[in-house]
C-alpha atoms as a PDB file:
ATOM      1  CA  MET A   1     128.699  24.307  12.238  1.00  0.00           C
ATOM      2  CA  LEU A   2     126.670  25.925   9.480  1.00  0.00           C
ATOM      3  CA  LEU A   3     128.419  28.465   7.269  1.00  0.00           C
ATOM      4  CA  GLN A   4     126.638  31.449   5.817  1.00  0.00           C
ATOM      5  CA  LEU A   5     128.210  33.095   2.760  1.00  0.00           C
ATOM      6  CA  ILE A   6     127.562  36.772   2.109  1.00  0.00           C
ATOM      7  CA  GLU A   7     128.551  38.096  -1.327  1.00  0.00           C
ATOM      8  CA  HIS A   8     129.132  41.802  -1.850  1.00  0.00           C
ATOM      9  CA  PRO A   9     131.170  43.546  -4.560  1.00  0.00           C
ATOM     10  CA  ALA A  10     133.632  44.863  -1.955  1.00  0.00           C
ATOM     11  CA  VAL A  11     133.739  42.017   0.542  1.00  0.00           C
ATOM     12  CA  SER A  12     132.981  38.308   0.745  1.00  0.00           C
ATOM     13  CA  LEU A  13     132.209  37.045   4.224  1.00  0.00           C
ATOM     14  CA  ALA A  14     131.814  33.567   5.634  1.00  0.00           C
ATOM     15  CA  GLN A  15     130.253  33.376   9.055  1.00  0.00           C
ATOM     16  CA  GLY A  16     129.891  30.275  11.166  1.00  0.00           C
ATOM     17  CA  HIS A  17     127.707  29.758  14.182  1.00  0.00           C
ATOM     18  CA  GLY A  18     127.291  26.282  15.550  1.00  0.00           C
ATOM     19  CA  LEU A  19     124.963  24.827  18.110  1.00  0.00           C
ATOM     20  CA  ASP A  20     126.297  25.698  21.555  1.00  0.00           C
ATOM     21  CA  LEU A  21     126.659  22.675  23.785  1.00  0.00           C
ATOM     22  CA  PRO A  22     126.537  22.903  27.596  1.00  0.00           C
ATOM     23  CA  THR A  23     130.341  22.795  27.839  1.00  0.00           C
ATOM     24  CA  GLN A  24     131.596  24.171  24.521  1.00  0.00           C
ATOM     25  CA  ALA A  25     130.929  26.762  21.825  1.00  0.00           C
ATOM     26  CA  ALA A  26     132.573  27.964  18.619  1.00  0.00           C
ATOM     27  CA  ARG A  27     132.322  30.906  16.227  1.00  0.00           C
ATOM     28  CA  ALA A  28     134.112  31.583  12.939  1.00  0.00           C
ATOM     29  CA  ARG A  29     134.447  34.529  10.579  1.00  0.00           C
ATOM     30  CA  ALA A  30     136.406  34.786   7.329  1.00  0.00           C
ATOM     31  CA  THR A  31     136.528  37.592   4.811  1.00  0.00           C
ATOM     32  CA  TRP A  32     138.556  38.784   1.838  1.00  0.00           C
ATOM     33  CA  MET A  33     139.921  42.307   2.228  1.00  0.00           C
ATOM     34  CA  ALA A  34     141.403  44.478  -0.504  1.00  0.00           C
ATOM     35  CA  GLY A  35     145.198  44.551  -0.536  1.00  0.00           C
ATOM     36  CA  ARG A  36     147.032  47.721   0.369  1.00  0.00           C
ATOM     37  CA  GLN A  37     149.282  49.735  -1.920  1.00  0.00           C
ATOM     38  CA  GLY A  38     148.541  47.523  -4.919  1.00  0.00           C
ATOM     39  CA  ARG A  39     149.213  44.215  -3.159  1.00  0.00           C
ATOM     40  CA  SER A  40     147.017  41.140  -3.536  1.00  0.00           C
ATOM     41  CA  PRO A  41     143.823  40.779  -1.473  1.00  0.00           C
ATOM     42  CA  LEU A  42     144.172  38.986   1.844  1.00  0.00           C
ATOM     43  CA  LEU A  43     142.003  36.518   3.695  1.00  0.00           C
ATOM     44  CA  LEU A  44     141.249  37.313   7.339  1.00  0.00           C
ATOM     45  CA  VAL A  45     140.070  34.380   9.436  1.00  0.00           C
ATOM     46  CA  ALA A  46     138.988  34.369  13.081  1.00  0.00           C
ATOM     47  CA  LEU A  47     137.995  31.274  15.023  1.00  0.00           C
ATOM     48  CA  LEU A  48     136.842  31.227  18.628  1.00  0.00           C
ATOM     49  CA  TRP A  49     136.398  27.917  20.379  1.00  0.00           C
ATOM     50  CA  ALA A  50     136.195  27.133  24.053  1.00  0.00           C
ATOM     51  CA  ARG A  51     135.573  24.059  26.131  1.00  0.00           C
ATOM     52  CA  ASN A  52     134.274  24.295  29.712  1.00  0.00           C
ATOM     53  CA  CYS A  53     133.618  28.036  29.288  1.00  0.00           C
ATOM     54  CA  PRO A  54     131.203  28.591  26.375  1.00  0.00           C
ATOM     55  CA  ASP A  55     130.168  31.920  27.888  1.00  0.00           C
ATOM     56  CA  VAL A  56     133.543  33.334  26.813  1.00  0.00           C
ATOM     57  CA  VAL A  57     132.823  32.549  23.150  1.00  0.00           C
ATOM     58  CA  GLN A  58     129.289  33.895  23.433  1.00  0.00           C
ATOM     59  CA  VAL A  59     130.536  37.193  24.901  1.00  0.00           C
ATOM     60  CA  LEU A  60     133.348  37.570  22.338  1.00  0.00           C
ATOM     61  CA  ASP A  61     131.063  36.733  19.410  1.00  0.00           C
ATOM     62  CA  ASP A  62     129.785  40.314  19.217  1.00  0.00           C
ATOM     63  CA  ASN A  63     133.342  41.626  19.090  1.00  0.00           C
ATOM     64  CA  LEU A  64     134.335  39.597  16.021  1.00  0.00           C
ATOM     65  CA  ASP A  65     132.479  41.909  13.651  1.00  0.00           C
ATOM     66  CA  ALA A  66     134.207  44.893  15.248  1.00  0.00           C
ATOM     67  CA  LEU A  67     137.576  43.213  14.699  1.00  0.00           C
ATOM     68  CA  PHE A  68     137.010  43.045  10.943  1.00  0.00           C
ATOM     69  CA  ALA A  69     135.608  46.580  10.801  1.00  0.00           C
ATOM     70  CA  ASP A  70     138.589  47.955  12.711  1.00  0.00           C
ATOM     71  CA  PHE A  71     141.032  46.317  10.312  1.00  0.00           C
ATOM     72  CA  SER A  72     139.499  48.036   7.310  1.00  0.00           C
ATOM     73  CA  CYS A  73     139.680  51.410   9.121  1.00  0.00           C
ATOM     74  CA  THR A  74     143.433  51.339   9.846  1.00  0.00           C
ATOM     75  CA  PRO A  75     145.654  53.838   7.995  1.00  0.00           C
ATOM     76  CA  GLU A  76     146.319  52.862   4.383  1.00  0.00           C
ATOM     77  CA  SER A  77     150.048  53.471   4.932  1.00  0.00           C
ATOM     78  CA  TRP A  78     150.221  50.558   7.427  1.00  0.00           C
ATOM     79  CA  SER A  79     151.206  47.150   6.132  1.00  0.00           C
ATOM     80  CA  GLU A  80     148.680  44.346   6.482  1.00  0.00           C
ATOM     81  CA  SER A  81     150.716  42.761   9.280  1.00  0.00           C
ATOM     82  CA  GLN A  82     151.022  46.046  11.183  1.00  0.00           C
ATOM     83  CA  ALA A  83     147.277  46.634  10.858  1.00  0.00           C
ATOM     84  CA  ALA A  84     146.554  43.081  12.051  1.00  0.00           C
ATOM     85  CA  ARG A  85     148.858  43.468  15.080  1.00  0.00           C
ATOM     86  CA  GLN A  86     147.283  46.774  16.109  1.00  0.00           C
ATOM     87  CA  VAL A  87     143.712  45.535  15.642  1.00  0.00           C
ATOM     88  CA  LEU A  88     144.384  42.298  17.528  1.00  0.00           C
ATOM     89  CA  ALA A  89     145.985  44.204  20.415  1.00  0.00           C
ATOM     90  CA  ALA A  90     142.928  46.460  20.674  1.00  0.00           C
ATOM     91  CA  PHE A  91     140.631  43.416  20.343  1.00  0.00           C
ATOM     92  CA  ILE A  92     142.388  41.640  23.224  1.00  0.00           C
ATOM     93  CA  CYS A  93     142.185  44.731  25.443  1.00  0.00           C
ATOM     94  CA  SER A  94     138.496  45.290  24.752  1.00  0.00           C
ATOM     95  CA  CYS A  95     137.655  41.600  25.171  1.00  0.00           C
ATOM     96  CA  SER A  96     139.521  41.451  28.472  1.00  0.00           C
ATOM     97  CA  ALA A  97     137.424  44.340  29.741  1.00  0.00           C
ATOM     98  CA  VAL A  98     134.185  42.765  28.459  1.00  0.00           C
ATOM     99  CA  LEU A  99     134.986  39.419  30.066  1.00  0.00           C
ATOM    100  CA  ALA A 100     135.968  41.049  33.366  1.00  0.00           C
ATOM    101  CA  ARG A 101     132.627  42.886  33.445  1.00  0.00           C
ATOM    102  CA  ALA A 102     130.766  39.670  32.547  1.00  0.00           C
ATOM    103  CA  ARG A 103     132.442  37.874  35.430  1.00  0.00           C
ATOM    104  CA  GLY A 104     131.818  40.745  37.822  1.00  0.00           C
ATOM    105  CA  SER A 105     135.489  41.529  38.486  1.00  0.00           C
ATOM    106  CA  PRO A 106     136.996  45.017  38.210  1.00  0.00           C
ATOM    107  CA  THR A 107     138.877  45.925  35.009  1.00  0.00           C
END
């Protein structure tokens, strides 16, 4: 998997996109986010990998960027863990709906 590093004064992002094989695929994202309420910055990492269903990774790939954007938009009063739990719950719900539509089943 090749990694692409993006440097920005506010955010550093590492993005990985490997060659999809007929039976497996993987995607990775990692970024440093500013800490809340004076705490240290935190590293967010997401890795998607699937065997025998690479279409799942390909469909969810577009949603990874939204996951990171949603985290930075949560209320500043939330702790990092509370923000992560809320964002992951929303991510799972939206991905379930996307995958159901991709497979042609009702949501």
